[in-house]
Protein backbone atom coordinates (compact mmCIF):
# COMPACT_ATOMS: atom_id res chain seq x y z
CA MET A 1 -55.80 62.46 56.92
CA ALA A 2 -53.91 59.95 54.26
CA PRO A 3 -54.41 61.35 50.63
CA SER A 4 -57.42 58.70 48.90
CA LYS A 5 -56.07 56.26 46.21
CA THR A 6 -57.32 58.71 43.58
CA THR A 7 -55.83 61.23 44.61
CA SER A 8 -52.56 59.48 45.40
CA THR A 9 -52.29 58.43 41.86
CA VAL A 10 -53.44 62.06 40.22
CA LEU A 11 -50.42 63.01 41.57
CA VAL A 12 -48.12 60.52 40.46
CA SER A 13 -49.77 60.63 36.85
CA GLN A 14 -49.01 64.73 37.16
CA ARG A 15 -45.17 63.78 38.42
CA HIS A 16 -44.59 61.55 35.27
CA GLN A 17 -46.03 64.46 32.68
CA ASP A 18 -43.42 66.68 35.17
CA ASP A 19 -40.41 63.78 34.83
CA LEU A 20 -40.66 63.51 31.02
CA ALA A 21 -41.38 67.08 30.14
CA PHE A 22 -37.91 67.63 32.35
CA SER A 23 -36.25 64.74 30.33
CA LYS A 24 -37.07 65.72 26.66
CA SER A 25 -35.95 69.04 27.36
CA PHE A 26 -32.42 68.05 29.54
CA HIS A 27 -31.84 65.90 26.58
CA GLY A 28 -32.49 67.81 23.76
CA HIS A 29 -32.21 65.74 20.52
CA THR A 30 -30.74 62.60 21.98
CA TRP A 31 -34.74 61.67 22.75
CA ASP A 32 -35.40 62.06 18.74
CA GLU A 33 -34.99 58.75 17.07
CA ALA A 34 -32.64 59.96 14.50
CA HIS A 35 -30.01 61.04 17.39
CA HIS A 36 -30.43 57.91 19.19
CA GLN A 37 -27.15 56.31 18.18
CA ASP A 38 -25.20 59.62 18.37
CA THR A 39 -21.17 59.76 19.69
CA PHE A 40 -21.42 60.18 23.44
CA VAL A 41 -19.74 63.83 22.99
CA SER A 42 -22.56 64.69 20.43
CA LYS A 43 -24.40 63.59 23.38
CA LEU A 44 -23.38 65.74 25.82
CA ILE A 45 -23.66 68.71 23.38
CA LYS A 46 -27.19 68.84 23.15
CA LYS A 47 -27.52 68.68 26.64
CA ASP A 48 -29.19 71.57 28.23
CA ARG A 49 -26.85 74.31 29.01
CA GLU A 50 -28.98 75.78 31.86
CA PHE A 51 -30.47 73.04 33.46
CA GLN A 52 -27.25 70.82 33.66
CA PRO A 53 -24.94 72.55 36.28
CA GLU A 54 -28.11 73.04 38.72
CA LEU A 55 -28.92 69.38 38.30
CA VAL A 56 -25.48 68.64 39.37
CA ASP A 57 -25.04 70.69 42.20
CA ASN A 58 -28.71 69.82 43.44
CA TYR A 59 -27.44 66.25 42.99
CA LEU A 60 -24.22 67.13 45.35
CA LYS A 61 -26.22 68.54 48.22
CA ASN A 62 -27.41 65.50 49.37
CA TRP A 63 -24.01 64.81 51.05
CA LYS A 64 -23.99 67.64 52.76
CA HIS A 65 -20.46 66.90 54.75
CA GLU A 66 -17.01 65.98 53.23
CA ASP A 67 -16.55 64.05 56.13
CA PRO A 68 -19.74 61.13 56.90
CA ILE A 69 -18.68 61.10 60.69
CA GLN A 70 -20.38 64.47 60.89
CA GLU A 71 -23.39 63.81 59.08
CA THR A 72 -26.56 63.48 61.42
CA ALA A 73 -28.95 61.05 62.02
CA GLU A 74 -31.79 63.52 60.11
CA GLU A 75 -29.76 64.03 57.28
CA LYS A 76 -29.25 60.34 56.50
CA GLU A 77 -32.78 59.84 56.44
CA ALA A 78 -33.55 63.13 54.27
CA ARG A 79 -31.33 61.71 51.53
CA GLN A 80 -33.12 58.22 52.05
CA ASN A 81 -36.73 60.02 51.87
CA ALA A 82 -35.25 61.72 48.80
CA TYR A 83 -34.28 57.98 46.87
CA ARG A 84 -35.91 58.64 44.06
CA VAL A 85 -35.12 62.25 42.74
CA VAL A 86 -31.39 61.15 43.89
CA THR A 87 -31.38 58.09 41.69
CA ASN A 88 -33.53 59.82 39.09
CA SER A 89 -31.04 62.62 38.84
CA PHE A 90 -27.90 60.73 38.58
CA TYR A 91 -28.67 58.80 35.76
CA ASP A 92 -30.04 61.64 33.60
CA LEU A 93 -26.60 62.86 34.24
CA ALA A 94 -24.74 59.31 33.73
CA THR A 95 -26.41 57.60 31.36
CA ASP A 96 -24.29 58.72 28.12
CA PHE A 97 -21.33 58.47 30.25
CA TYR A 98 -22.33 54.39 31.03
CA GLU A 99 -22.97 53.53 27.76
CA TYR A 100 -19.81 55.44 26.03
CA ALA A 101 -17.56 53.44 29.08
CA TRP A 102 -18.91 50.23 29.76
CA GLY A 103 -21.80 49.47 27.12
CA THR A 104 -25.81 48.80 27.77
CA SER A 105 -25.81 46.47 30.84
CA PHE A 106 -24.98 48.71 33.61
CA HIS A 107 -23.38 46.15 35.82
CA PHE A 108 -20.11 44.33 36.39
CA CYS A 109 -19.09 40.96 36.14
CA ARG A 110 -16.52 37.56 36.78
CA PHE A 111 -14.52 36.93 34.04
CA TYR A 112 -12.78 33.74 32.67
CA PRO A 113 -9.47 34.25 30.82
CA ARG A 114 -9.95 35.68 27.62
CA GLU A 115 -13.16 35.78 27.71
CA PRO A 116 -14.65 38.97 25.46
CA PHE A 117 -15.99 41.64 27.80
CA GLN A 118 -19.38 41.81 26.45
CA GLN A 119 -19.60 37.76 26.51
CA ALA A 120 -18.79 38.04 30.42
CA ILE A 121 -21.51 40.71 30.66
CA ALA A 122 -23.78 38.41 28.94
CA ARG A 123 -22.75 35.15 30.97
CA HIS A 124 -23.39 36.82 33.91
CA GLU A 125 -26.87 37.60 32.94
CA HIS A 126 -27.38 34.13 31.87
CA LEU A 127 -26.34 32.78 34.93
CA LEU A 128 -28.68 34.45 37.09
CA ALA A 129 -31.96 33.17 34.64
CA ALA A 130 -30.86 29.77 34.65
CA ASN A 131 -30.32 30.07 38.51
CA MET A 132 -34.10 31.34 38.61
CA GLY A 133 -35.35 28.71 35.97
CA ILE A 134 -36.68 31.61 33.85
CA GLN A 135 -39.05 29.49 31.33
CA PRO A 136 -40.47 30.49 27.97
CA HIS A 137 -43.99 30.78 29.34
CA PHE A 138 -42.87 32.89 31.71
CA LYS A 139 -43.94 36.74 32.14
CA VAL A 140 -41.07 38.14 33.65
CA LEU A 141 -40.15 41.49 35.83
CA ASP A 142 -36.76 43.39 35.49
CA ILE A 143 -36.58 45.53 38.30
CA GLY A 144 -35.01 48.84 37.60
CA CYS A 145 -34.08 47.51 33.85
CA GLY A 146 -31.72 50.67 32.88
CA VAL A 147 -31.77 51.06 29.36
CA GLY A 148 -32.52 47.09 28.84
CA GLY A 149 -29.17 45.40 28.19
CA PRO A 150 -30.24 42.38 30.32
CA ALA A 151 -33.68 42.43 29.82
CA ARG A 152 -32.65 41.66 25.80
CA GLU A 153 -30.12 39.43 27.12
CA ILE A 154 -32.18 37.31 29.45
CA GLY A 155 -34.80 37.60 26.75
CA HIS A 156 -32.98 36.09 23.92
CA PHE A 157 -31.70 33.58 26.42
CA THR A 158 -34.82 31.88 27.96
CA GLY A 159 -37.53 33.28 25.63
CA ALA A 160 -39.84 34.76 28.40
CA HIS A 161 -41.42 37.83 27.87
CA ILE A 162 -39.76 40.91 29.64
CA THR A 163 -41.34 43.69 30.99
CA GLY A 164 -38.76 46.43 32.28
CA LEU A 165 -39.14 49.14 35.20
CA ASN A 166 -37.76 52.05 35.73
CA ASN A 167 -38.50 55.48 37.10
CA ASN A 168 -35.94 57.32 34.25
CA ASP A 169 -37.52 58.28 31.51
CA TYR A 170 -34.40 58.66 29.11
CA GLN A 171 -33.04 55.49 29.88
CA ILE A 172 -36.78 54.00 29.04
CA ASN A 173 -37.08 55.66 26.29
CA ARG A 174 -33.52 54.21 24.77
CA ALA A 175 -34.88 50.98 26.09
CA ARG A 176 -37.51 50.72 23.96
CA ARG A 177 -35.53 51.68 21.08
CA TYR A 178 -33.08 49.06 21.74
CA ALA A 179 -35.61 46.57 22.20
CA ILE A 180 -37.04 47.53 18.65
CA ALA A 181 -33.62 47.25 16.90
CA ALA A 182 -33.30 43.52 18.33
CA GLY A 183 -36.40 42.60 17.52
CA LEU A 184 -38.21 41.76 20.86
CA GLN A 185 -40.64 44.50 20.68
CA ASP A 186 -43.30 41.59 20.68
CA ARG A 187 -41.47 39.86 23.43
CA SER A 188 -40.74 43.08 26.00
CA GLU A 189 -42.28 46.54 26.97
CA PHE A 190 -40.84 49.20 29.38
CA ILE A 191 -42.72 51.02 31.95
CA LYS A 192 -42.56 54.15 34.00
CA GLY A 193 -42.91 53.01 37.79
CA ASP A 194 -40.99 53.42 41.52
CA PHE A 195 -40.33 49.94 42.42
CA MET A 196 -41.36 50.99 45.92
CA HIS A 197 -44.96 51.65 44.47
CA MET A 198 -44.78 49.57 41.65
CA PRO A 199 -47.73 50.14 38.90
CA VAL A 200 -48.22 46.58 38.58
CA ASP A 201 -51.57 44.59 40.06
CA ASP A 202 -50.59 41.48 42.71
CA ASN A 203 -49.87 38.39 41.50
CA THR A 204 -48.92 39.66 37.94
CA PHE A 205 -45.16 38.25 37.15
CA ASP A 206 -43.98 34.43 37.15
CA ALA A 207 -40.59 35.80 37.95
CA CYS A 208 -38.90 39.32 38.66
CA TYR A 209 -34.79 39.79 38.90
CA ALA A 210 -32.50 42.94 39.77
CA ILE A 211 -29.61 43.31 38.39
CA GLU A 212 -27.63 45.94 40.93
CA ALA A 213 -30.83 47.95 40.93
CA THR A 214 -32.10 47.91 44.28
CA VAL A 215 -28.83 49.46 46.04
CA HIS A 216 -30.84 52.59 45.07
CA ALA A 217 -34.03 51.75 47.15
CA SER A 218 -34.73 53.12 50.28
CA THR A 219 -34.97 50.53 52.19
CA LEU A 220 -34.96 46.36 50.55
CA GLU A 221 -37.84 45.77 52.79
CA GLY A 222 -39.98 48.07 50.20
CA VAL A 223 -38.38 47.40 47.52
CA TYR A 224 -38.55 43.61 48.38
CA GLY A 225 -41.86 43.57 49.64
CA GLU A 226 -43.47 45.07 46.33
CA ALA A 227 -41.20 42.18 44.10
CA TYR A 228 -43.39 39.83 46.93
CA ARG A 229 -46.84 41.42 46.01
CA VAL A 230 -46.75 41.44 42.30
CA LEU A 231 -45.25 37.94 41.75
CA LYS A 232 -47.87 34.96 41.56
CA SER A 233 -47.50 32.67 44.45
CA GLY A 234 -44.29 30.30 44.04
CA GLY A 235 -42.99 32.74 41.65
CA VAL A 236 -39.23 33.55 41.84
CA PHE A 237 -36.74 36.90 42.21
CA GLY A 238 -33.44 36.78 41.64
CA CYS A 239 -30.76 39.16 42.05
CA TYR A 240 -27.48 40.63 42.30
CA GLU A 241 -27.37 42.80 45.34
CA TRP A 242 -24.46 45.70 46.43
CA LEU A 243 -23.86 45.18 50.07
CA MET A 244 -20.98 45.57 51.95
CA THR A 245 -19.59 42.62 53.50
CA ASP A 246 -18.61 41.31 57.15
CA LYS A 247 -15.23 42.75 56.36
CA TYR A 248 -16.93 46.33 56.68
CA ASP A 249 -16.58 48.38 60.03
CA PRO A 250 -18.93 50.94 60.46
CA THR A 251 -16.52 52.84 63.11
CA ASN A 252 -13.75 52.90 60.65
CA PRO A 253 -13.15 56.12 59.81
CA GLU A 254 -11.69 54.86 56.11
CA HIS A 255 -14.11 52.19 55.56
CA LEU A 256 -17.15 55.27 55.89
CA ARG A 257 -14.93 57.40 53.69
CA ILE A 258 -15.26 54.88 50.80
CA VAL A 259 -18.52 53.77 51.23
CA ARG A 260 -18.89 57.38 51.24
CA GLY A 261 -17.55 57.69 47.62
CA ILE A 262 -19.39 54.48 46.60
CA GLU A 263 -22.61 55.87 47.52
CA LEU A 264 -22.35 59.76 45.87
CA GLY A 265 -20.69 58.16 42.87
CA ASN A 266 -23.41 55.86 42.06
CA GLY A 267 -26.88 57.46 43.36
CA ILE A 268 -27.04 55.79 46.27
CA THR A 269 -28.55 56.86 49.60
CA ARG A 270 -27.22 54.23 51.83
CA LEU A 271 -25.54 51.39 51.43
CA VAL A 272 -26.87 48.45 53.34
CA THR A 273 -25.02 44.84 54.56
CA ALA A 274 -25.53 41.09 53.37
CA LYS A 275 -27.34 40.83 56.79
CA GLU A 276 -29.69 42.76 56.29
CA CYS A 277 -30.57 42.06 52.57
CA LEU A 278 -31.54 38.42 54.05
CA GLN A 279 -33.18 39.66 56.79
CA ALA A 280 -34.96 42.14 54.66
CA LEU A 281 -35.91 38.68 52.51
CA ALA A 282 -37.42 37.25 55.48
CA THR A 283 -39.17 40.22 56.79
CA VAL A 284 -41.03 40.72 53.48
CA GLY A 285 -42.09 36.81 53.25
CA PHE A 286 -39.70 35.19 50.75
CA LYS A 287 -38.19 31.78 51.15
CA VAL A 288 -34.62 31.79 50.13
CA GLU A 289 -33.49 29.25 47.79
CA LYS A 290 -29.69 29.88 47.05
CA VAL A 291 -27.49 32.98 48.37
CA THR A 292 -23.61 32.98 47.17
CA ASP A 293 -21.46 36.11 46.81
CA LEU A 294 -19.80 35.56 43.56
CA ALA A 295 -17.02 38.28 44.18
CA GLU A 296 -15.15 35.87 46.66
CA ASN A 297 -13.03 33.72 44.35
CA GLU A 298 -9.95 33.20 43.55
CA ASP A 299 -10.44 34.17 39.51
CA LYS A 300 -7.01 35.69 38.21
CA VAL A 301 -8.81 38.57 36.94
CA GLN A 302 -11.58 40.07 39.37
CA TRP A 303 -14.41 41.93 38.58
CA TYR A 304 -13.10 45.64 39.48
CA SER A 305 -9.93 44.85 36.98
CA PRO A 306 -11.45 47.21 34.28
CA LEU A 307 -11.28 49.98 36.95
CA GLN A 308 -8.26 49.57 38.24
CA GLY A 309 -6.57 49.79 34.63
CA SER A 310 -5.85 46.07 34.26
CA MET A 311 -5.82 45.10 30.32
CA GLN A 312 -5.67 41.45 31.97
CA ALA A 313 -9.67 40.90 30.90
CA SER A 314 -9.20 41.67 27.38
CA ALA A 315 -9.81 39.61 24.64
CA ALA A 316 -10.45 41.16 22.06
CA PHE A 317 -10.04 44.79 20.04
CA TRP A 318 -13.20 46.17 21.99
CA ASP A 319 -12.10 45.51 24.97
CA TYR A 320 -9.24 47.11 24.70
CA VAL A 321 -11.01 50.16 23.72
CA THR A 322 -13.66 49.80 26.68
CA PHE A 323 -10.86 49.49 29.24
CA LEU A 324 -8.45 52.29 28.11
CA ARG A 325 -11.82 54.37 28.64
CA THR A 326 -12.15 52.86 32.29
CA THR A 327 -8.48 53.21 33.47
CA THR A 328 -7.87 56.19 36.14
CA THR A 329 -5.81 57.37 33.24
CA GLY A 330 -9.01 56.99 30.66
CA ARG A 331 -11.54 58.80 33.23
CA ALA A 332 -8.81 61.69 33.79
CA THR A 333 -8.62 61.92 30.09
CA THR A 334 -12.36 61.95 29.39
CA THR A 335 -12.94 64.83 32.61
CA TYR A 336 -9.76 66.57 30.60
CA LEU A 337 -11.42 66.73 27.64
CA LEU A 338 -14.71 67.57 28.89
CA ARG A 339 -13.33 70.57 30.74
CA THR A 340 -11.75 71.83 27.99
CA LEU A 341 -14.81 71.48 25.44
CA GLU A 342 -16.94 73.25 28.44
CA THR A 343 -14.04 76.26 28.20
CA LEU A 344 -14.61 75.99 24.59
CA GLY A 345 -18.92 76.37 25.11
CA LEU A 346 -18.91 72.90 23.25
CA VAL A 347 -20.89 70.71 25.95
CA ALA A 348 -22.98 71.84 28.65
CA PRO A 349 -21.43 73.36 31.74
CA GLY A 350 -21.05 70.46 34.56
CA SER A 351 -20.07 67.58 32.21
CA ALA A 352 -16.36 67.28 33.20
CA LYS A 353 -18.02 67.45 37.44
CA VAL A 354 -20.38 64.52 36.08
CA SER A 355 -17.31 62.80 35.21
CA GLY A 356 -15.49 63.61 38.31
CA ILE A 357 -18.17 61.87 40.26
CA LEU A 358 -18.07 58.72 38.59
CA GLN A 359 -14.25 58.94 39.03
CA THR A 360 -15.08 59.12 42.44
CA ALA A 361 -16.97 56.10 42.02
CA ALA A 362 -14.44 53.71 40.07
CA ASP A 363 -12.11 55.04 43.04
CA SER A 364 -14.14 54.03 45.79
CA LEU A 365 -14.96 50.72 44.42
CA VAL A 366 -11.72 49.61 43.70
CA GLU A 367 -10.49 50.68 47.51
CA ALA A 368 -13.75 48.58 48.91
CA ALA A 369 -13.00 45.44 46.52
CA VAL A 370 -9.77 45.26 47.81
CA LEU A 371 -10.11 45.70 50.80
CA GLY A 372 -12.96 43.32 50.76
CA ILE A 373 -15.55 45.17 52.28
CA PHE A 374 -17.92 45.24 49.37
CA THR A 375 -19.73 43.41 46.99
CA PRO A 376 -21.30 44.36 43.65
CA MET A 377 -22.89 40.62 42.84
CA TYR A 378 -24.29 39.01 46.45
CA LEU A 379 -26.83 36.09 44.34
CA PHE A 380 -30.04 35.36 45.94
CA VAL A 381 -32.46 33.22 44.60
CA ALA A 382 -35.33 33.45 46.90
CA ARG A 383 -39.22 32.03 46.54
CA LYS A 384 -42.85 33.38 47.29
CA PRO A 385 -45.02 30.56 49.23
CA GLU A 386 -47.07 28.67 47.16
């Protein structure tokens, strides 16, 4: 017998309480407002030294074989079903690294020549909002909002009210503090919830968007179906999706190795193809109005250039600082530094291993991009019929 709605609500509430208690314990004083803007190393110093190595090891156990060909269908399905824990664990481990190396908008973008990095990031967010036609009177849902970088930028750009949905308590706490600092506390809110089971009433929002977030869903039909449910009739759904392109060959061992690196290095339980994405939209009832792969272009500076070690995208002093951190040498230096600090007992064990996981992600993303088998910016705009 399936649990009643009341029972399910109680279970979810208890799980949320447990998540919050763990997050506060794991992240330590970083939760406090006085420590919100601590340095990267200072944040790592405050991590729980018992929980972190256990969290890292448990996360890695979701991929039981180094060779993806050896993985059984049952093991793949078990990892997909564990999407919530996999994603939550990944962002507990990776959020501080992301902010240190990239900023508060956890996504890629295209680059114009001599365009500052943060300007390019903001333009990518503006492009999505413009294609969706977000208006100042709209109520908008950001699905998988991270620490709220895109929500703040799109809020400023459109004047709309933005609700950020996130299942990670640490990120929600940071998003709320950033919103206050940006003066957006009255035009934004951040709520905890699983985007496969959104804690939102039907027909609530005029628009919803996701920026490189729904890739963490166990199935796209599940998260797209929830987006459809919470939208009003005629509402619009815009997304930048992580997908495998038509060049991807699931029988090619090299392709499988690269995909494994992307998944493990980014907290993804299963990457799917562009065809599967469009089929999922149609299955749940959306009418697709626009679709384009923004990674297919003749740009001199490609979206993956910062990971590749290229300084071509640097147009301002802080761009050089950012890209030095994201190059192969910069990432290796971070890992070496953390390994040294671990040896000295200054940061929690497992910090260097997390850095190594993110190095795997970056290297695999570059390999996939060069081969043309992956895109992080498959743009679609779809609408819920009137």
